[in-house]
Every structure is written in structure tokens, then in C-alpha cells.
Amino acid sequence: MKIGFIGTGVMGTGIIKNMLKQGNQVTVYNRTKQHAKSVLDSGAIWAETPSQATENQEAVFTMVGYPQDVEEVYFGKNGILSVATGDQILVDMTTSTPSLAQRIGHYAEKQGLKVIDAPVSGGDIGAQNATLTIMVGGNRDAYNQLEDVFNSIGQRHNYFGTYGAGQHAKMANQIMIAGTMTGLTEMLVYAKKANLNLPMVLETLSSGGADNWSMETYVPRILRNDYTPGFFAKHFLKDLRIAIDEAQKMEIELPATMQAKQLYEQLVDEKGLGDDGTQALVKLWWQK
């Protein structure tokens, strides 16, 4: 399949490499070409603009940082929608706002274009190992046409409904992750203060009812003083802000998620550690 891919960050790089392994031709665009070096070395083709990465492709994927970046690559002067055609499928894998996914979808529909929102969960390891979970909203026929691609980059994909439904599913995911991240952080703070053997604590908890993906993935990194991002803290804060905003629109309260958002605001906005991984939350209490 001929694929355009816009965004070669931590997650995008792993996804693109798995697409290449499956024999797809992948053309990539990133604001900084140097950050695309890894995928270019793996066989991807470089494009100078989002529109150039879109032309003559069967499907175009985007995975950028923030909703404003999504808006720019779709609606900008050299954006996707300036050249997209009805025989292409447009897929936004960025964790973005449901309202923007709806806006893109409804605009595209009027132009005879097929669009889906398909954010993912699984972090850098999931992207590298093709074990992502993919949450899809938008054009159902387009989703069906891309099932083989989704199978090549993830272990599960589900269709949730119309435009924005994939983003709502991702917000549910991030609300859950917020709890596991604060839980593993406070667990470490408590266990360290009690002078427990931290690797032994991890081993013990991983075999019992406290086991969870975040703990298994991030506690080993913390214990070896590794705060490199599998997922940027600044991007997780962006997600939590979206989740809280959507909850307010639906007139529901999420007090635990609100507390997690406030903690990540301390980490990112006050301490300036947004480029660390989400596991850096523990730095609010201690550094190994």
C-alpha cells in the first residue's frame, strides 16, 4: 500500500517502521527532517510538505503533537485537505479533541473525502512491537478498508462510531492511565520511605492484584533513573486537559483525573519537565 505519514515522533517512528516491514511504501513529512532520519534510513521517502506527503497515496496518516498541529496539517496552506481526493483515506492518530475530529470529518464528508480518527494506546513499546490498541471513529467503510494496516501495527482495534468517537474512547483510556500513573508514583514514594527493596516491591506487586501496564512499563525505568519519554509528560497533560474539558461539556465531575491534571501541571508548567516521560511524575517527590 502507498501510505503518507505526517509526524515522525516517538510513536510515529515505531508505527512507520512496522508499516515498512509489511512491504508498504511510506512517504513521510515532519517539521524537522533530522527527526525523520531513523525512518528514512529504514526506507521511508521524504516529502517537503504535508500536501506532498498526501499526493498519490492510498492512505494518509497523521500523528502530531497537539490539536493545533492537527488543524495546521489538515487545513493549512500546504495541508492535506488542499490536495486530498475521494479515493484516499485520511487517518488522524493524534490524541486530539473530539470536536476537531468532528470538524475535519464533516468538512471532508462535504468534499467527498473519507476520514477516520484513530488514536492509539500502548506507548513507545507498543509502537515498536506492533502491539498498539487503536480506537476508531469516523467513516466505517474507510475503517474496514484499513483493517490489514491496523493489524500490522496493533494487537487490537475497535470501531466506536461516528467522527470523534475514537477520540472519546482515547479520553476514557487516558482517564484510566491517569489513575495508574498516580498510583505507581505514590506506591514508590511510600515504599521508599518505608525502606523497602524497590525492585522486590515491583516483582511482588506485578504478581498480584496491583499489577498494571503502567507499573510494569515505567517503574523499571524509574528504578534505573531513566526518564526518557515513551510518552511525553507535556502530551499527557494535554490529554488530561482535553478529558477534563470534555467531562465539563457532558456535565460530569472527574475529581481523581482533575488531581492528576494538577500534578502534571506542576511537573510540566512549574518544573519545566514536559519533555520527560510521564514516569517523571515521581520527581515531584524524589529523584533516585
C-alpha atoms as a PDB file:
ATOM      1  CA  MET A   1       0.000   0.000   0.000  1.00  0.00           C
ATOM      2  CA  LYS A   2       1.164   3.560  -0.690  1.00  0.00           C
ATOM      3  CA  ILE A   3       0.980   5.484   2.564  1.00  0.00           C
ATOM      4  CA  GLY A   4       1.702   9.066   3.530  1.00  0.00           C
ATOM      5  CA  PHE A   5       2.642   9.613   7.179  1.00  0.00           C
ATOM      6  CA  ILE A   6       2.930  13.017   8.827  1.00  0.00           C
ATOM      7  CA  GLY A   7       4.715  13.064  12.190  1.00  0.00           C
ATOM      8  CA  THR A   8       7.847  11.055  12.988  1.00  0.00           C
ATOM      9  CA  GLY A   9       7.952  11.409  16.753  1.00  0.00           C
ATOM     10  CA  VAL A  10       8.452   8.635  19.296  1.00  0.00           C
ATOM     11  CA  MET A  11       5.184   6.909  18.412  1.00  0.00           C
ATOM     12  CA  GLY A  12       5.107   7.679  14.707  1.00  0.00           C
ATOM     13  CA  THR A  13       8.592   6.283  14.172  1.00  0.00           C
ATOM     14  CA  GLY A  14       7.675   2.860  15.539  1.00  0.00           C
ATOM     15  CA  ILE A  15       4.449   2.740  13.536  1.00  0.00           C
ATOM     16  CA  ILE A  16       6.156   3.762  10.290  1.00  0.00           C
ATOM     17  CA  LYS A  17       8.858   1.128  10.703  1.00  0.00           C
ATOM     18  CA  ASN A  18       6.230  -1.574  11.140  1.00  0.00           C
ATOM     19  CA  MET A  19       4.394  -0.327   8.064  1.00  0.00           C
ATOM     20  CA  LEU A  20       7.642  -0.573   6.117  1.00  0.00           C
ATOM     21  CA  LYS A  21       8.262  -4.106   7.412  1.00  0.00           C
ATOM     22  CA  GLN A  22       4.900  -5.120   5.951  1.00  0.00           C
ATOM     23  CA  GLY A  23       6.057  -4.007   2.491  1.00  0.00           C
ATOM     24  CA  ASN A  24       4.193  -0.702   2.349  1.00  0.00           C
ATOM     25  CA  GLN A  25       5.702   2.296   0.579  1.00  0.00           C
ATOM     26  CA  VAL A  26       5.687   5.109   3.148  1.00  0.00           C
ATOM     27  CA  THR A  27       6.283   8.779   2.361  1.00  0.00           C
ATOM     28  CA  VAL A  28       6.877  10.921   5.447  1.00  0.00           C
ATOM     29  CA  TYR A  29       6.795  14.559   6.457  1.00  0.00           C
ATOM     30  CA  ASN A  30       7.982  16.071   9.717  1.00  0.00           C
ATOM     31  CA  ARG A  31       8.627  19.696  10.635  1.00  0.00           C
ATOM     32  CA  THR A  32      12.241  18.779  11.401  1.00  0.00           C
ATOM     33  CA  LYS A  33      13.758  16.462   8.810  1.00  0.00           C
ATOM     34  CA  GLN A  34      16.505  15.339  11.201  1.00  0.00           C
ATOM     35  CA  HIS A  35      13.843  13.780  13.437  1.00  0.00           C
ATOM     36  CA  ALA A  36      12.787  11.624  10.480  1.00  0.00           C
ATOM     37  CA  LYS A  37      16.288  10.204   9.941  1.00  0.00           C
ATOM     38  CA  SER A  38      15.519   6.873  11.580  1.00  0.00           C
ATOM     39  CA  VAL A  39      12.568   6.096   9.310  1.00  0.00           C
ATOM     40  CA  LEU A  40      14.320   7.476   6.234  1.00  0.00           C
ATOM     41  CA  ASP A  41      17.228   5.143   6.966  1.00  0.00           C
ATOM     42  CA  SER A  42      14.668   2.325   7.162  1.00  0.00           C
ATOM     43  CA  GLY A  43      13.367   3.050   3.674  1.00  0.00           C
ATOM     44  CA  ALA A  44      10.763   5.796   4.006  1.00  0.00           C
ATOM     45  CA  ILE A  45      10.591   8.545   1.364  1.00  0.00           C
ATOM     46  CA  TRP A  46      10.871  12.211   2.346  1.00  0.00           C
ATOM     47  CA  ALA A  47       8.238  14.835   1.471  1.00  0.00           C
ATOM     48  CA  GLU A  48       8.747  18.586   1.838  1.00  0.00           C
ATOM     49  CA  THR A  49       5.173  19.440   2.894  1.00  0.00           C
ATOM     50  CA  PRO A  50       2.053  17.689   4.229  1.00  0.00           C
ATOM     51  CA  SER A  51       0.424  18.135   0.821  1.00  0.00           C
ATOM     52  CA  GLN A  52       3.380  16.457  -0.889  1.00  0.00           C
ATOM     53  CA  ALA A  53       3.106  13.551   1.554  1.00  0.00           C
ATOM     54  CA  THR A  54      -0.580  13.277   0.623  1.00  0.00           C
ATOM     55  CA  GLU A  55      -0.435  13.309  -3.159  1.00  0.00           C
ATOM     56  CA  ASN A  56      -0.742   9.922  -4.897  1.00  0.00           C
ATOM     57  CA  GLN A  57      -1.123   7.980  -1.639  1.00  0.00           C
ATOM     58  CA  GLU A  58      -3.835   5.435  -0.885  1.00  0.00           C
ATOM     59  CA  ALA A  59      -3.963   6.411   2.788  1.00  0.00           C
ATOM     60  CA  VAL A  60      -2.544   9.336   4.744  1.00  0.00           C
ATOM     61  CA  PHE A  61      -1.846   9.081   8.478  1.00  0.00           C
ATOM     62  CA  THR A  62      -1.135  11.950  10.843  1.00  0.00           C
ATOM     63  CA  MET A  63       0.372  11.686  14.315  1.00  0.00           C
ATOM     64  CA  VAL A  64       1.462  15.066  15.601  1.00  0.00           C
ATOM     65  CA  GLY A  65       1.655  16.739  18.996  1.00  0.00           C
ATOM     66  CA  TYR A  66      -1.339  18.970  19.649  1.00  0.00           C
ATOM     67  CA  PRO A  67      -4.777  19.762  18.212  1.00  0.00           C
ATOM     68  CA  GLN A  68      -3.394  22.991  16.705  1.00  0.00           C
ATOM     69  CA  ASP A  69      -0.818  20.879  14.842  1.00  0.00           C
ATOM     70  CA  VAL A  70      -3.591  18.641  13.522  1.00  0.00           C
ATOM     71  CA  GLU A  71      -5.503  21.697  12.345  1.00  0.00           C
ATOM     72  CA  GLU A  72      -2.414  23.047  10.579  1.00  0.00           C
ATOM     73  CA  VAL A  73      -1.536  19.835   8.709  1.00  0.00           C
ATOM     74  CA  TYR A  74      -5.139  19.387   7.553  1.00  0.00           C
ATOM     75  CA  PHE A  75      -6.335  22.946   6.873  1.00  0.00           C
ATOM     76  CA  GLY A  76      -3.031  24.804   6.362  1.00  0.00           C
ATOM     77  CA  LYS A  77      -1.791  26.328   3.109  1.00  0.00           C
ATOM     78  CA  ASN A  78       0.129  23.179   2.185  1.00  0.00           C
ATOM     79  CA  GLY A  79      -2.158  20.920   4.165  1.00  0.00           C
ATOM     80  CA  ILE A  80      -3.683  17.549   3.460  1.00  0.00           C
ATOM     81  CA  LEU A  81      -7.116  18.864   2.542  1.00  0.00           C
ATOM     82  CA  SER A  82      -5.660  21.120  -0.154  1.00  0.00           C
ATOM     83  CA  VAL A  83      -4.863  18.090  -2.319  1.00  0.00           C
ATOM     84  CA  ALA A  84      -6.758  15.082  -0.904  1.00  0.00           C
ATOM     85  CA  THR A  85      -9.011  13.099  -3.244  1.00  0.00           C
ATOM     86  CA  GLY A  86     -12.021  10.851  -2.729  1.00  0.00           C
ATOM     87  CA  ASP A  87     -10.107   7.652  -3.396  1.00  0.00           C
ATOM     88  CA  GLN A  88      -7.827   8.245  -0.395  1.00  0.00           C
ATOM     89  CA  ILE A  89      -8.383   7.515   3.301  1.00  0.00           C
ATOM     90  CA  LEU A  90      -7.277  10.139   5.830  1.00  0.00           C
ATOM     91  CA  VAL A  91      -6.431   8.900   9.334  1.00  0.00           C
ATOM     92  CA  ASP A  92      -5.592  11.097  12.306  1.00  0.00           C
ATOM     93  CA  MET A  93      -3.838   9.057  15.005  1.00  0.00           C
ATOM     94  CA  THR A  94      -3.037  12.102  17.158  1.00  0.00           C
ATOM     95  CA  THR A  95      -4.752  12.229  20.526  1.00  0.00           C
ATOM     96  CA  SER A  96      -6.796  15.326  19.833  1.00  0.00           C
ATOM     97  CA  THR A  97     -10.173  16.848  20.670  1.00  0.00           C
ATOM     98  CA  PRO A  98     -13.389  15.102  19.617  1.00  0.00           C
ATOM     99  CA  SER A  99     -14.666  18.455  18.336  1.00  0.00           C
ATOM    100  CA  LEU A 100     -11.734  18.834  15.931  1.00  0.00           C
ATOM    101  CA  ALA A 101     -12.176  15.260  14.701  1.00  0.00           C
ATOM    102  CA  GLN A 102     -15.833  16.089  14.044  1.00  0.00           C
ATOM    103  CA  ARG A 103     -14.913  19.297  12.253  1.00  0.00           C
ATOM    104  CA  ILE A 104     -12.420  17.542   9.980  1.00  0.00           C
ATOM    105  CA  GLY A 105     -14.811  14.679   9.360  1.00  0.00           C
ATOM    106  CA  HIS A 106     -17.819  16.805   8.444  1.00  0.00           C
ATOM    107  CA  TYR A 107     -15.725  19.099   6.254  1.00  0.00           C
ATOM    108  CA  ALA A 108     -14.172  16.130   4.475  1.00  0.00           C
ATOM    109  CA  GLU A 109     -17.552  14.459   4.003  1.00  0.00           C
ATOM    110  CA  LYS A 110     -18.852  17.531   2.152  1.00  0.00           C
ATOM    111  CA  GLN A 111     -15.800  17.280  -0.134  1.00  0.00           C
ATOM    112  CA  GLY A 112     -16.391  13.586  -0.805  1.00  0.00           C
ATOM    113  CA  LEU A 113     -13.411  12.532   1.329  1.00  0.00           C
ATOM    114  CA  LYS A 114     -13.092   9.601   3.752  1.00  0.00           C
ATOM    115  CA  VAL A 115     -11.761  10.391   7.233  1.00  0.00           C
ATOM    116  CA  ILE A 116     -11.308   8.496  10.479  1.00  0.00           C
ATOM    117  CA  ASP A 117      -9.910   9.446  13.875  1.00  0.00           C
ATOM    118  CA  ALA A 118      -7.785   6.597  15.252  1.00  0.00           C
ATOM    119  CA  PRO A 119      -5.779   7.488  18.378  1.00  0.00           C
ATOM    120  CA  VAL A 120      -3.739   4.712  19.949  1.00  0.00           C
ATOM    121  CA  SER A 121      -2.602   3.408  23.312  1.00  0.00           C
ATOM    122  CA  GLY A 122       0.486   1.382  24.142  1.00  0.00           C
ATOM    123  CA  GLY A 123       3.330   3.875  24.317  1.00  0.00           C
ATOM    124  CA  ASP A 124       6.676   3.626  22.573  1.00  0.00           C
ATOM    125  CA  ILE A 125       6.932  -0.110  23.285  1.00  0.00           C
ATOM    126  CA  GLY A 126       3.560  -0.770  21.690  1.00  0.00           C
ATOM    127  CA  ALA A 127       4.527   1.288  18.648  1.00  0.00           C
ATOM    128  CA  GLN A 128       7.823  -0.581  18.275  1.00  0.00           C
ATOM    129  CA  ASN A 129       6.352  -4.051  18.839  1.00  0.00           C
ATOM    130  CA  ALA A 130       3.147  -3.552  16.836  1.00  0.00           C
ATOM    131  CA  THR A 131       1.026  -4.158  19.932  1.00  0.00           C
ATOM    132  CA  LEU A 132      -0.913  -0.897  19.980  1.00  0.00           C
ATOM    133  CA  THR A 133      -4.584  -0.605  20.791  1.00  0.00           C
ATOM    134  CA  ILE A 134      -6.357   1.535  18.181  1.00  0.00           C
ATOM    135  CA  MET A 135      -9.623   3.364  18.887  1.00  0.00           C
ATOM    136  CA  VAL A 136     -11.528   4.396  15.772  1.00  0.00           C
ATOM    137  CA  GLY A 137     -14.293   6.825  14.902  1.00  0.00           C
ATOM    138  CA  GLY A 138     -15.499   8.206  11.582  1.00  0.00           C
ATOM    139  CA  ASN A 139     -16.177   6.628   8.200  1.00  0.00           C
ATOM    140  CA  ARG A 140     -16.968   2.936   8.792  1.00  0.00           C
ATOM    141  CA  ASP A 141     -16.126   1.836   5.240  1.00  0.00           C
ATOM    142  CA  ALA A 142     -12.722   3.515   5.492  1.00  0.00           C
ATOM    143  CA  TYR A 143     -12.060   1.697   8.757  1.00  0.00           C
ATOM    144  CA  ASN A 144     -12.936  -1.637   7.134  1.00  0.00           C
ATOM    145  CA  GLN A 145     -10.556  -0.933   4.256  1.00  0.00           C
ATOM    146  CA  LEU A 146      -7.670  -0.324   6.652  1.00  0.00           C
ATOM    147  CA  GLU A 147      -8.097  -3.370   8.875  1.00  0.00           C
ATOM    148  CA  ASP A 148      -4.997  -5.065   7.447  1.00  0.00           C
ATOM    149  CA  VAL A 149      -2.895  -1.964   8.154  1.00  0.00           C
ATOM    150  CA  PHE A 150      -4.239  -1.745  11.698  1.00  0.00           C
ATOM    151  CA  ASN A 151      -3.500  -5.443  12.215  1.00  0.00           C
ATOM    152  CA  SER A 152       0.106  -4.812  11.167  1.00  0.00           C
ATOM    153  CA  ILE A 153       0.691  -2.094  13.775  1.00  0.00           C
ATOM    154  CA  GLY A 154      -1.526  -3.135  16.664  1.00  0.00           C
ATOM    155  CA  GLN A 155      -2.920  -6.037  18.635  1.00  0.00           C
ATOM    156  CA  ARG A 156      -6.471  -4.682  18.848  1.00  0.00           C
ATOM    157  CA  HIS A 157      -8.585  -2.150  17.010  1.00  0.00           C
ATOM    158  CA  ASN A 158     -12.211  -1.269  17.604  1.00  0.00           C
ATOM    159  CA  TYR A 159     -14.704   0.974  15.835  1.00  0.00           C
ATOM    160  CA  PHE A 160     -16.709   3.167  18.234  1.00  0.00           C
ATOM    161  CA  GLY A 161     -18.918   5.234  15.952  1.00  0.00           C
ATOM    162  CA  THR A 162     -19.022   8.485  14.052  1.00  0.00           C
ATOM    163  CA  TYR A 163     -16.421  11.279  13.880  1.00  0.00           C
ATOM    164  CA  GLY A 164     -14.830  11.940  17.276  1.00  0.00           C
ATOM    165  CA  ALA A 165     -15.827   8.626  18.844  1.00  0.00           C
ATOM    166  CA  GLY A 166     -12.268   7.346  18.615  1.00  0.00           C
ATOM    167  CA  GLN A 167     -11.078  10.433  20.478  1.00  0.00           C
ATOM    168  CA  HIS A 168     -13.706   9.935  23.182  1.00  0.00           C
ATOM    169  CA  ALA A 169     -12.510   6.337  23.607  1.00  0.00           C
ATOM    170  CA  LYS A 170      -8.942   7.595  23.939  1.00  0.00           C
ATOM    171  CA  MET A 171     -10.045  10.036  26.634  1.00  0.00           C
ATOM    172  CA  ALA A 172     -11.516   7.097  28.564  1.00  0.00           C
ATOM    173  CA  ASN A 173      -8.145   5.387  28.174  1.00  0.00           C
ATOM    174  CA  GLN A 174      -6.229   8.418  29.434  1.00  0.00           C
ATOM    175  CA  ILE A 175      -8.534   8.795  32.436  1.00  0.00           C
ATOM    176  CA  MET A 176      -7.649   5.211  33.369  1.00  0.00           C
ATOM    177  CA  ILE A 177      -3.929   5.784  32.767  1.00  0.00           C
ATOM    178  CA  ALA A 178      -4.032   8.874  34.988  1.00  0.00           C
ATOM    179  CA  GLY A 179      -5.032   6.648  37.890  1.00  0.00           C
ATOM    180  CA  THR A 180      -2.327   4.086  37.261  1.00  0.00           C
ATOM    181  CA  MET A 181       0.372   6.758  36.923  1.00  0.00           C
ATOM    182  CA  THR A 182      -0.525   8.475  40.202  1.00  0.00           C
ATOM    183  CA  GLY A 183      -0.882   5.063  41.835  1.00  0.00           C
ATOM    184  CA  LEU A 184       2.547   3.799  40.817  1.00  0.00           C
ATOM    185  CA  THR A 185       4.117   7.112  41.834  1.00  0.00           C
ATOM    186  CA  GLU A 186       2.609   7.143  45.318  1.00  0.00           C
ATOM    187  CA  MET A 187       3.404   3.443  45.691  1.00  0.00           C
ATOM    188  CA  LEU A 188       7.090   4.184  45.064  1.00  0.00           C
ATOM    189  CA  VAL A 189       7.093   7.179  47.394  1.00  0.00           C
ATOM    190  CA  TYR A 190       5.543   5.083  50.171  1.00  0.00           C
ATOM    191  CA  ALA A 191       7.728   2.002  49.607  1.00  0.00           C
ATOM    192  CA  LYS A 192      10.919   4.063  49.515  1.00  0.00           C
ATOM    193  CA  LYS A 193      10.029   5.893  52.741  1.00  0.00           C
ATOM    194  CA  ALA A 194       9.346   2.524  54.383  1.00  0.00           C
ATOM    195  CA  ASN A 195      12.874   1.419  53.350  1.00  0.00           C
ATOM    196  CA  LEU A 196      11.588  -1.468  51.249  1.00  0.00           C
ATOM    197  CA  ASN A 197      13.584  -3.099  48.465  1.00  0.00           C
ATOM    198  CA  LEU A 198      12.006  -1.347  45.468  1.00  0.00           C
ATOM    199  CA  PRO A 199      12.805  -3.978  42.792  1.00  0.00           C
ATOM    200  CA  MET A 200      11.355  -6.597  45.131  1.00  0.00           C
ATOM    201  CA  VAL A 201       8.244  -4.466  45.652  1.00  0.00           C
ATOM    202  CA  LEU A 202       7.775  -4.267  41.876  1.00  0.00           C
ATOM    203  CA  GLU A 203       8.259  -8.012  41.495  1.00  0.00           C
ATOM    204  CA  THR A 204       5.744  -8.708  44.252  1.00  0.00           C
ATOM    205  CA  LEU A 205       3.073  -6.259  43.091  1.00  0.00           C
ATOM    206  CA  SER A 206       3.394  -7.421  39.489  1.00  0.00           C
ATOM    207  CA  SER A 207       2.305 -10.901  40.524  1.00  0.00           C
ATOM    208  CA  GLY A 208      -0.757  -9.767  42.480  1.00  0.00           C
ATOM    209  CA  GLY A 209      -3.892  -7.697  42.250  1.00  0.00           C
ATOM    210  CA  ALA A 210      -1.956  -4.426  41.950  1.00  0.00           C
ATOM    211  CA  ASP A 211      -0.461  -5.408  38.595  1.00  0.00           C
ATOM    212  CA  ASN A 212      -0.985  -2.960  35.721  1.00  0.00           C
ATOM    213  CA  TRP A 213       0.666  -1.961  32.449  1.00  0.00           C
ATOM    214  CA  SER A 214       1.911   1.436  33.653  1.00  0.00           C
ATOM    215  CA  MET A 215       3.652  -0.045  36.669  1.00  0.00           C
ATOM    216  CA  GLU A 216       5.303  -2.828  34.680  1.00  0.00           C
ATOM    217  CA  THR A 217       6.424  -0.417  31.951  1.00  0.00           C
ATOM    218  CA  TYR A 218       7.523   2.641  33.886  1.00  0.00           C
ATOM    219  CA  VAL A 219       8.685   1.563  37.350  1.00  0.00           C
ATOM    220  CA  PRO A 220      11.719  -0.294  35.907  1.00  0.00           C
ATOM    221  CA  ARG A 221      12.657   2.894  34.053  1.00  0.00           C
ATOM    222  CA  ILE A 222      12.347   4.969  37.217  1.00  0.00           C
ATOM    223  CA  LEU A 223      14.494   2.495  39.147  1.00  0.00           C
ATOM    224  CA  ARG A 224      17.297   2.885  36.626  1.00  0.00           C
ATOM    225  CA  ASN A 225      16.850   6.673  36.594  1.00  0.00           C
ATOM    226  CA  ASP A 226      15.511   6.636  33.034  1.00  0.00           C
ATOM    227  CA  TYR A 227      13.071   9.452  32.339  1.00  0.00           C
ATOM    228  CA  THR A 228      13.288   9.372  28.548  1.00  0.00           C
ATOM    229  CA  PRO A 229       9.814   9.640  27.047  1.00  0.00           C
ATOM    230  CA  GLY A 230       7.857   6.635  25.975  1.00  0.00           C
ATOM    231  CA  PHE A 231       5.143   9.266  26.093  1.00  0.00           C
ATOM    232  CA  PHE A 232       5.923  12.924  26.787  1.00  0.00           C
ATOM    233  CA  ALA A 233       4.643  14.371  30.054  1.00  0.00           C
ATOM    234  CA  LYS A 234       3.594  17.521  28.174  1.00  0.00           C
ATOM    235  CA  HIS A 235       1.463  15.463  25.796  1.00  0.00           C
ATOM    236  CA  PHE A 236      -0.154  13.569  28.654  1.00  0.00           C
ATOM    237  CA  LEU A 237      -1.024  16.876  30.306  1.00  0.00           C
ATOM    238  CA  LYS A 238      -2.597  17.965  27.018  1.00  0.00           C
ATOM    239  CA  ASP A 239      -4.689  14.783  27.040  1.00  0.00           C
ATOM    240  CA  LEU A 240      -5.816  15.280  30.631  1.00  0.00           C
ATOM    241  CA  ARG A 241      -6.872  18.839  29.847  1.00  0.00           C
ATOM    242  CA  ILE A 242      -8.925  17.567  26.915  1.00  0.00           C
ATOM    243  CA  ALA A 243     -10.520  14.887  29.114  1.00  0.00           C
ATOM    244  CA  ILE A 244     -11.476  17.421  31.797  1.00  0.00           C
ATOM    245  CA  ASP A 245     -12.830  19.827  29.184  1.00  0.00           C
ATOM    246  CA  GLU A 246     -14.954  17.088  27.592  1.00  0.00           C
ATOM    247  CA  ALA A 247     -16.209  15.971  31.008  1.00  0.00           C
ATOM    248  CA  GLN A 248     -17.311  19.529  31.788  1.00  0.00           C
ATOM    249  CA  LYS A 249     -19.188  19.677  28.472  1.00  0.00           C
ATOM    250  CA  MET A 250     -21.005  16.484  29.482  1.00  0.00           C
ATOM    251  CA  GLU A 251     -21.631  17.938  32.962  1.00  0.00           C
ATOM    252  CA  ILE A 252     -19.792  15.213  34.851  1.00  0.00           C
ATOM    253  CA  GLU A 253     -17.091  15.524  37.505  1.00  0.00           C
ATOM    254  CA  LEU A 254     -13.814  13.603  37.442  1.00  0.00           C
ATOM    255  CA  PRO A 255     -12.092  14.587  40.700  1.00  0.00           C
ATOM    256  CA  ALA A 256      -9.294  11.999  40.529  1.00  0.00           C
ATOM    257  CA  THR A 257      -8.480  12.953  36.942  1.00  0.00           C
ATOM    258  CA  MET A 258      -8.556  16.618  37.926  1.00  0.00           C
ATOM    259  CA  GLN A 259      -5.999  15.888  40.655  1.00  0.00           C
ATOM    260  CA  ALA A 260      -3.780  14.046  38.165  1.00  0.00           C
ATOM    261  CA  LYS A 261      -4.016  17.030  35.805  1.00  0.00           C
ATOM    262  CA  GLN A 262      -2.940  19.379  38.587  1.00  0.00           C
ATOM    263  CA  LEU A 263       0.043  17.158  39.430  1.00  0.00           C
ATOM    264  CA  TYR A 264       1.171  17.049  35.800  1.00  0.00           C
ATOM    265  CA  GLU A 265       0.751  20.830  35.623  1.00  0.00           C
ATOM    266  CA  GLN A 266       3.230  21.072  38.492  1.00  0.00           C
ATOM    267  CA  LEU A 267       5.616  18.782  36.634  1.00  0.00           C
ATOM    268  CA  VAL A 268       5.293  20.412  33.219  1.00  0.00           C
ATOM    269  CA  ASP A 269       4.372  24.061  33.822  1.00  0.00           C
ATOM    270  CA  GLU A 270       6.143  24.726  37.125  1.00  0.00           C
ATOM    271  CA  LYS A 271       9.164  22.416  36.956  1.00  0.00           C
ATOM    272  CA  GLY A 272       9.596  22.590  33.182  1.00  0.00           C
ATOM    273  CA  LEU A 273       9.871  18.815  32.745  1.00  0.00           C
ATOM    274  CA  GLY A 274       7.411  18.412  29.885  1.00  0.00           C
ATOM    275  CA  ASP A 275       9.990  16.723  27.666  1.00  0.00           C
ATOM    276  CA  ASP A 276      10.481  13.938  30.220  1.00  0.00           C
ATOM    277  CA  GLY A 277       8.376  10.831  30.070  1.00  0.00           C
ATOM    278  CA  THR A 278       5.176  10.517  32.082  1.00  0.00           C
ATOM    279  CA  GLN A 279       7.113   8.474  34.687  1.00  0.00           C
ATOM    280  CA  ALA A 280       8.853  11.710  35.731  1.00  0.00           C
ATOM    281  CA  LEU A 281       5.832  12.444  37.903  1.00  0.00           C
ATOM    282  CA  VAL A 282       7.786  10.815  40.717  1.00  0.00           C
ATOM    283  CA  LYS A 283      10.228  13.766  40.563  1.00  0.00           C
ATOM    284  CA  LEU A 284       7.650  15.820  42.432  1.00  0.00           C
ATOM    285  CA  TRP A 285       8.669  13.775  45.477  1.00  0.00           C
ATOM    286  CA  TRP A 286      12.126  12.345  44.893  1.00  0.00           C
ATOM    287  CA  GLN A 287      14.915  11.642  42.477  1.00  0.00           C
ATOM    288  CA  LYS A 288      16.809   8.398  42.544  1.00  0.00           C
END
